[in-house]
Amino acid sequence: MSTLELTVQATIAVVLLVDPFTRAIFFRLITEHEPERRREYVVRIMTVVGITLGGSALVGRELLDLIGINLGAFGVAGGLVLGLMGFEMLFGGQQPRAQGGASAHEEPAPESAETSIVVPYAIPFMAGPGAITTVITISSTGSGWSGPVAALIAVGIAVALIPVGHLMLVNRMNMSPSTVAIMTRFGGLFVATIGIQLMLGGISTYFGLT
């Protein structure tokens, strides 16, 4: 396989896994109270995703082996964090009445995305075990530097598309508060499902079932 063919295949795979367009919907939801900070958050997401996947392309397998981290265990841990985030979105981040009493009816203060934009949003929601595994696999394919070059180009293109989806498309979305609430719950279900899928995939990888 030529370097060009490998690069095209790698780019398609990484862009689909990072998914900078569809995931922009969730970025819109978690930054609903901080629209003025979206550009700052996008720069942070691009940096984290770029370093994570770019580093995986160059020294991913060697680094994991060196520090003794199993990619399956990473998938389980990342999936658990992502699943918890999804359930929090699904239930609006509020305690049930039996747990919170009267305070459960109070309007919660707007939350900042500051603490969740890197983990679990950038990692593992965008740069997850699937994307990391794919980049490492692509980097190990081909002869000489063709694999790493193809993987790095693919990562660069995927990272460059993040602001397109997360800023340009997000700014064109006009949603009422009720629509945001509905999408938050559907989004939470979707994110929780992805988290559980990552956990199951991590368990399969860890025990060598795939």
C-alpha atoms as a PDB file:
ATOM      1  CA  MET A   1       0.000   0.000   0.000  1.00  0.00           C
ATOM      2  CA  SER A   2       1.372   3.400  -0.982  1.00  0.00           C
ATOM      3  CA  THR A   3       1.825   6.233   1.493  1.00  0.00           C
ATOM      4  CA  LEU A   4      -0.964   8.205  -0.228  1.00  0.00           C
ATOM      5  CA  GLU A   5      -3.449   5.325   0.040  1.00  0.00           C
ATOM      6  CA  LEU A   6      -2.514   4.738   3.675  1.00  0.00           C
ATOM      7  CA  THR A   7      -2.890   8.460   4.414  1.00  0.00           C
ATOM      8  CA  VAL A   8      -6.350   8.626   2.835  1.00  0.00           C
ATOM      9  CA  GLN A   9      -7.547   5.570   4.754  1.00  0.00           C
ATOM     10  CA  ALA A  10      -6.015   6.848   7.979  1.00  0.00           C
ATOM     11  CA  THR A  11      -7.617  10.275   7.581  1.00  0.00           C
ATOM     12  CA  ILE A  12     -11.077   8.829   7.001  1.00  0.00           C
ATOM     13  CA  ALA A  13     -10.760   6.525  10.006  1.00  0.00           C
ATOM     14  CA  VAL A  14      -9.420   9.140  12.432  1.00  0.00           C
ATOM     15  CA  VAL A  15     -11.892  11.851  11.388  1.00  0.00           C
ATOM     16  CA  LEU A  16     -14.798   9.438  11.821  1.00  0.00           C
ATOM     17  CA  LEU A  17     -13.559   8.380  15.266  1.00  0.00           C
ATOM     18  CA  VAL A  18     -12.763  11.878  16.539  1.00  0.00           C
ATOM     19  CA  ASP A  19     -16.009  13.108  14.919  1.00  0.00           C
ATOM     20  CA  PRO A  20     -15.500  16.885  15.190  1.00  0.00           C
ATOM     21  CA  PHE A  21     -18.955  17.662  13.740  1.00  0.00           C
ATOM     22  CA  THR A  22     -21.534  15.517  15.545  1.00  0.00           C
ATOM     23  CA  ARG A  23     -19.771  15.923  18.872  1.00  0.00           C
ATOM     24  CA  ALA A  24     -20.115  19.688  18.488  1.00  0.00           C
ATOM     25  CA  ILE A  25     -23.717  19.249  19.656  1.00  0.00           C
ATOM     26  CA  PHE A  26     -22.484  18.047  23.036  1.00  0.00           C
ATOM     27  CA  PHE A  27     -19.901  20.838  23.135  1.00  0.00           C
ATOM     28  CA  ARG A  28     -22.776  23.286  22.658  1.00  0.00           C
ATOM     29  CA  LEU A  29     -24.669  21.699  25.541  1.00  0.00           C
ATOM     30  CA  ILE A  30     -21.849  21.690  28.091  1.00  0.00           C
ATOM     31  CA  THR A  31     -20.829  25.276  27.237  1.00  0.00           C
ATOM     32  CA  GLU A  32     -24.384  26.626  27.126  1.00  0.00           C
ATOM     33  CA  HIS A  33     -23.691  29.003  30.039  1.00  0.00           C
ATOM     34  CA  GLU A  34     -20.261  30.085  28.764  1.00  0.00           C
ATOM     35  CA  PRO A  35     -20.539  30.949  25.064  1.00  0.00           C
ATOM     36  CA  GLU A  36     -17.827  33.556  25.443  1.00  0.00           C
ATOM     37  CA  ARG A  37     -15.299  30.859  26.435  1.00  0.00           C
ATOM     38  CA  ARG A  38     -15.974  28.471  23.556  1.00  0.00           C
ATOM     39  CA  ARG A  39     -12.986  29.613  21.528  1.00  0.00           C
ATOM     40  CA  GLU A  40     -10.719  29.116  24.553  1.00  0.00           C
ATOM     41  CA  TYR A  41     -12.144  25.654  25.156  1.00  0.00           C
ATOM     42  CA  VAL A  42     -11.743  24.679  21.499  1.00  0.00           C
ATOM     43  CA  VAL A  43      -8.060  25.626  21.577  1.00  0.00           C
ATOM     44  CA  ARG A  44      -7.662  23.470  24.679  1.00  0.00           C
ATOM     45  CA  ILE A  45      -9.493  20.546  23.050  1.00  0.00           C
ATOM     46  CA  MET A  46      -7.377  20.814  19.895  1.00  0.00           C
ATOM     47  CA  THR A  47      -4.174  20.862  21.953  1.00  0.00           C
ATOM     48  CA  VAL A  48      -5.124  17.842  24.062  1.00  0.00           C
ATOM     49  CA  VAL A  49      -6.444  15.776  21.140  1.00  0.00           C
ATOM     50  CA  GLY A  50      -3.466  16.704  18.964  1.00  0.00           C
ATOM     51  CA  ILE A  51      -0.886  15.835  21.621  1.00  0.00           C
ATOM     52  CA  THR A  52      -2.664  12.616  22.625  1.00  0.00           C
ATOM     53  CA  LEU A  53      -3.143  11.229  19.122  1.00  0.00           C
ATOM     54  CA  GLY A  54       0.093  12.678  17.730  1.00  0.00           C
ATOM     55  CA  GLY A  55       2.051  11.189  20.608  1.00  0.00           C
ATOM     56  CA  SER A  56       0.271   7.879  20.058  1.00  0.00           C
ATOM     57  CA  ALA A  57       1.347   7.924  16.418  1.00  0.00           C
ATOM     58  CA  LEU A  58       4.980   8.433  17.352  1.00  0.00           C
ATOM     59  CA  VAL A  59       5.571   6.530  20.583  1.00  0.00           C
ATOM     60  CA  GLY A  60       2.158   5.194  21.595  1.00  0.00           C
ATOM     61  CA  ARG A  61       2.866   1.483  21.759  1.00  0.00           C
ATOM     62  CA  GLU A  62       6.336   1.930  23.250  1.00  0.00           C
ATOM     63  CA  LEU A  63       5.059   4.349  25.914  1.00  0.00           C
ATOM     64  CA  LEU A  64       2.176   2.105  26.967  1.00  0.00           C
ATOM     65  CA  ASP A  65       4.533  -0.869  27.238  1.00  0.00           C
ATOM     66  CA  LEU A  66       7.081   1.213  29.159  1.00  0.00           C
ATOM     67  CA  ILE A  67       4.692   2.385  31.878  1.00  0.00           C
ATOM     68  CA  GLY A  68       2.729  -0.856  31.907  1.00  0.00           C
ATOM     69  CA  ILE A  69      -0.671   0.503  30.882  1.00  0.00           C
ATOM     70  CA  ASN A  70      -2.933  -1.896  29.039  1.00  0.00           C
ATOM     71  CA  LEU A  71      -5.064  -0.255  26.342  1.00  0.00           C
ATOM     72  CA  GLY A  72      -7.995  -2.373  27.475  1.00  0.00           C
ATOM     73  CA  ALA A  73      -7.715  -1.015  31.020  1.00  0.00           C
ATOM     74  CA  PHE A  74      -7.594   2.501  29.581  1.00  0.00           C
ATOM     75  CA  GLY A  75     -10.802   1.764  27.702  1.00  0.00           C
ATOM     76  CA  VAL A  76     -12.556   0.551  30.853  1.00  0.00           C
ATOM     77  CA  ALA A  77     -11.468   3.587  32.894  1.00  0.00           C
ATOM     78  CA  GLY A  78     -12.296   6.052  30.134  1.00  0.00           C
ATOM     79  CA  GLY A  79     -15.630   4.399  29.485  1.00  0.00           C
ATOM     80  CA  LEU A  80     -16.535   4.564  33.171  1.00  0.00           C
ATOM     81  CA  VAL A  81     -15.791   8.304  33.354  1.00  0.00           C
ATOM     82  CA  LEU A  82     -17.708   8.923  30.140  1.00  0.00           C
ATOM     83  CA  GLY A  83     -20.649   6.814  31.318  1.00  0.00           C
ATOM     84  CA  LEU A  84     -20.905   8.775  34.557  1.00  0.00           C
ATOM     85  CA  MET A  85     -20.890  12.019  32.589  1.00  0.00           C
ATOM     86  CA  GLY A  86     -23.671  10.680  30.368  1.00  0.00           C
ATOM     87  CA  PHE A  87     -25.862   9.663  33.293  1.00  0.00           C
ATOM     88  CA  GLU A  88     -25.356  13.075  34.875  1.00  0.00           C
ATOM     89  CA  MET A  89     -26.532  14.704  31.642  1.00  0.00           C
ATOM     90  CA  LEU A  90     -29.426  12.247  31.360  1.00  0.00           C
ATOM     91  CA  PHE A  91     -30.757  13.093  34.796  1.00  0.00           C
ATOM     92  CA  GLY A  92     -29.998  16.804  34.561  1.00  0.00           C
ATOM     93  CA  GLY A  93     -27.239  16.634  37.133  1.00  0.00           C
ATOM     94  CA  GLN A  94     -29.824  16.912  39.927  1.00  0.00           C
ATOM     95  CA  GLN A  95     -30.461  14.680  42.893  1.00  0.00           C
ATOM     96  CA  PRO A  96     -33.818  12.862  43.157  1.00  0.00           C
ATOM     97  CA  ARG A  97     -36.361  14.340  45.560  1.00  0.00           C
ATOM     98  CA  ALA A  98     -35.822  11.608  48.129  1.00  0.00           C
ATOM     99  CA  GLN A  99     -32.142  12.561  48.313  1.00  0.00           C
ATOM    100  CA  GLY A 100     -32.317  16.340  48.116  1.00  0.00           C
ATOM    101  CA  GLY A 101     -35.629  17.217  49.790  1.00  0.00           C
ATOM    102  CA  ALA A 102     -36.660  20.797  49.224  1.00  0.00           C
ATOM    103  CA  SER A 103     -33.251  21.715  47.863  1.00  0.00           C
ATOM    104  CA  ALA A 104     -33.859  19.347  44.957  1.00  0.00           C
ATOM    105  CA  HIS A 105     -36.429  21.798  43.621  1.00  0.00           C
ATOM    106  CA  GLU A 106     -34.051  24.762  43.651  1.00  0.00           C
ATOM    107  CA  GLU A 107     -32.651  26.008  40.372  1.00  0.00           C
ATOM    108  CA  PRO A 108     -29.023  24.869  40.185  1.00  0.00           C
ATOM    109  CA  ALA A 109     -26.336  27.453  39.530  1.00  0.00           C
ATOM    110  CA  PRO A 110     -24.931  27.407  35.978  1.00  0.00           C
ATOM    111  CA  GLU A 111     -21.977  25.063  35.856  1.00  0.00           C
ATOM    112  CA  SER A 112     -18.694  25.765  34.136  1.00  0.00           C
ATOM    113  CA  ALA A 113     -17.231  23.323  31.616  1.00  0.00           C
ATOM    114  CA  GLU A 114     -13.776  24.137  32.991  1.00  0.00           C
ATOM    115  CA  THR A 115     -13.419  20.867  34.886  1.00  0.00           C
ATOM    116  CA  SER A 116     -14.793  18.574  32.178  1.00  0.00           C
ATOM    117  CA  ILE A 117     -13.462  19.998  28.918  1.00  0.00           C
ATOM    118  CA  VAL A 118     -10.199  17.993  29.038  1.00  0.00           C
ATOM    119  CA  VAL A 119     -11.491  14.892  30.883  1.00  0.00           C
ATOM    120  CA  PRO A 120     -13.830  13.380  29.894  1.00  0.00           C
ATOM    121  CA  TYR A 121     -14.616  15.540  26.826  1.00  0.00           C
ATOM    122  CA  ALA A 122     -11.277  15.739  24.957  1.00  0.00           C
ATOM    123  CA  ILE A 123     -10.180  12.406  26.487  1.00  0.00           C
ATOM    124  CA  PRO A 124     -11.809   9.915  26.056  1.00  0.00           C
ATOM    125  CA  PHE A 125     -14.905  11.362  24.316  1.00  0.00           C
ATOM    126  CA  MET A 126     -12.939  12.600  21.285  1.00  0.00           C
ATOM    127  CA  ALA A 127      -9.486  11.043  21.641  1.00  0.00           C
ATOM    128  CA  GLY A 128     -10.727   7.730  22.995  1.00  0.00           C
ATOM    129  CA  PRO A 129      -9.243   4.239  23.038  1.00  0.00           C
ATOM    130  CA  GLY A 130     -10.642   3.565  19.560  1.00  0.00           C
ATOM    131  CA  ALA A 131      -8.905   6.574  18.044  1.00  0.00           C
ATOM    132  CA  ILE A 132      -5.689   5.874  19.970  1.00  0.00           C
ATOM    133  CA  THR A 133      -5.654   2.225  18.912  1.00  0.00           C
ATOM    134  CA  THR A 134      -6.325   3.186  15.294  1.00  0.00           C
ATOM    135  CA  VAL A 135      -3.507   5.730  15.248  1.00  0.00           C
ATOM    136  CA  ILE A 136      -1.069   3.270  16.816  1.00  0.00           C
ATOM    137  CA  THR A 137      -2.085   0.578  14.312  1.00  0.00           C
ATOM    138  CA  ILE A 138      -1.723   2.925  11.339  1.00  0.00           C
ATOM    139  CA  SER A 139       1.663   4.080  12.609  1.00  0.00           C
ATOM    140  CA  SER A 140       2.819   0.455  12.700  1.00  0.00           C
ATOM    141  CA  THR A 141       1.648  -0.177   9.116  1.00  0.00           C
ATOM    142  CA  GLY A 142       3.755   0.241   6.014  1.00  0.00           C
ATOM    143  CA  SER A 143       7.488   0.502   5.637  1.00  0.00           C
ATOM    144  CA  GLY A 144       9.840   3.051   7.110  1.00  0.00           C
ATOM    145  CA  TRP A 145       8.164   6.327   8.034  1.00  0.00           C
ATOM    146  CA  SER A 146       5.108   5.892   5.809  1.00  0.00           C
ATOM    147  CA  GLY A 147       2.963   4.674   8.709  1.00  0.00           C
ATOM    148  CA  PRO A 148       3.850   7.436  11.209  1.00  0.00           C
ATOM    149  CA  VAL A 149       3.609  10.105   8.490  1.00  0.00           C
ATOM    150  CA  ALA A 150       0.157   8.895   7.418  1.00  0.00           C
ATOM    151  CA  ALA A 151      -1.015   8.782  11.049  1.00  0.00           C
ATOM    152  CA  LEU A 152       0.295  12.279  11.810  1.00  0.00           C
ATOM    153  CA  ILE A 153      -1.340  13.748   8.693  1.00  0.00           C
ATOM    154  CA  ALA A 154      -4.627  12.090   9.628  1.00  0.00           C
ATOM    155  CA  VAL A 155      -4.420  13.470  13.182  1.00  0.00           C
ATOM    156  CA  GLY A 156      -3.580  16.946  11.867  1.00  0.00           C
ATOM    157  CA  ILE A 157      -6.591  17.000   9.562  1.00  0.00           C
ATOM    158  CA  ALA A 158      -8.934  15.736  12.303  1.00  0.00           C
ATOM    159  CA  VAL A 159      -7.672  18.378  14.753  1.00  0.00           C
ATOM    160  CA  ALA A 160      -7.974  21.119  12.121  1.00  0.00           C
ATOM    161  CA  LEU A 161     -11.648  20.224  11.630  1.00  0.00           C
ATOM    162  CA  ILE A 162     -12.494  20.624  15.333  1.00  0.00           C
ATOM    163  CA  PRO A 163     -13.024  24.415  15.201  1.00  0.00           C
ATOM    164  CA  VAL A 164     -15.137  24.009  12.057  1.00  0.00           C
ATOM    165  CA  GLY A 165     -17.628  21.866  13.919  1.00  0.00           C
ATOM    166  CA  HIS A 166     -17.220  23.324  17.398  1.00  0.00           C
ATOM    167  CA  LEU A 167     -17.310  27.018  16.493  1.00  0.00           C
ATOM    168  CA  MET A 168     -18.806  27.577  13.040  1.00  0.00           C
ATOM    169  CA  LEU A 169     -21.612  25.015  13.333  1.00  0.00           C
ATOM    170  CA  VAL A 170     -22.287  25.684  17.006  1.00  0.00           C
ATOM    171  CA  ASN A 171     -22.771  29.396  16.370  1.00  0.00           C
ATOM    172  CA  ARG A 172     -25.440  28.570  13.783  1.00  0.00           C
ATOM    173  CA  MET A 173     -27.504  26.495  16.224  1.00  0.00           C
ATOM    174  CA  ASN A 174     -30.508  28.343  17.628  1.00  0.00           C
ATOM    175  CA  MET A 175     -32.190  26.246  20.299  1.00  0.00           C
ATOM    176  CA  SER A 176     -34.801  27.175  22.900  1.00  0.00           C
ATOM    177  CA  PRO A 177     -34.229  26.213  26.576  1.00  0.00           C
ATOM    178  CA  SER A 178     -36.741  23.361  26.275  1.00  0.00           C
ATOM    179  CA  THR A 179     -34.953  22.042  23.166  1.00  0.00           C
ATOM    180  CA  VAL A 180     -31.612  22.236  24.981  1.00  0.00           C
ATOM    181  CA  ALA A 181     -33.080  20.304  27.929  1.00  0.00           C
ATOM    182  CA  ILE A 182     -34.434  17.574  25.652  1.00  0.00           C
ATOM    183  CA  MET A 183     -31.195  17.330  23.688  1.00  0.00           C
ATOM    184  CA  THR A 184     -29.212  17.226  26.921  1.00  0.00           C
ATOM    185  CA  ARG A 185     -31.108  14.149  28.040  1.00  0.00           C
ATOM    186  CA  PHE A 186     -30.883  12.437  24.673  1.00  0.00           C
ATOM    187  CA  GLY A 187     -27.234  13.414  24.513  1.00  0.00           C
ATOM    188  CA  GLY A 188     -26.688  11.999  27.985  1.00  0.00           C
ATOM    189  CA  LEU A 189     -28.167   8.681  26.897  1.00  0.00           C
ATOM    190  CA  PHE A 190     -25.915   8.669  23.832  1.00  0.00           C
ATOM    191  CA  VAL A 191     -22.791   9.558  25.836  1.00  0.00           C
ATOM    192  CA  ALA A 192     -23.604   6.942  28.501  1.00  0.00           C
ATOM    193  CA  THR A 193     -24.024   4.338  25.740  1.00  0.00           C
ATOM    194  CA  ILE A 194     -20.645   5.248  24.257  1.00  0.00           C
ATOM    195  CA  GLY A 195     -19.112   4.978  27.715  1.00  0.00           C
ATOM    196  CA  ILE A 196     -20.551   1.506  28.274  1.00  0.00           C
ATOM    197  CA  GLN A 197     -19.410   0.467  24.792  1.00  0.00           C
ATOM    198  CA  LEU A 198     -15.881   1.666  25.590  1.00  0.00           C
ATOM    199  CA  MET A 199     -15.939  -0.330  28.828  1.00  0.00           C
ATOM    200  CA  LEU A 200     -17.081  -3.501  27.058  1.00  0.00           C
ATOM    201  CA  GLY A 201     -14.473  -2.993  24.341  1.00  0.00           C
ATOM    202  CA  GLY A 202     -11.798  -2.424  26.975  1.00  0.00           C
ATOM    203  CA  ILE A 203     -12.784  -5.623  28.805  1.00  0.00           C
ATOM    204  CA  SER A 204     -12.624  -7.575  25.527  1.00  0.00           C
ATOM    205  CA  THR A 205      -9.204  -6.127  24.709  1.00  0.00           C
ATOM    206  CA  TYR A 206      -7.870  -6.741  28.210  1.00  0.00           C
ATOM    207  CA  PHE A 207      -8.870 -10.404  28.214  1.00  0.00           C
ATOM    208  CA  GLY A 208      -7.882 -10.928  24.575  1.00  0.00           C
ATOM    209  CA  LEU A 209     -11.417 -11.670  23.384  1.00  0.00           C
ATOM    210  CA  THR A 210     -11.031  -9.658  20.160  1.00  0.00           C
END
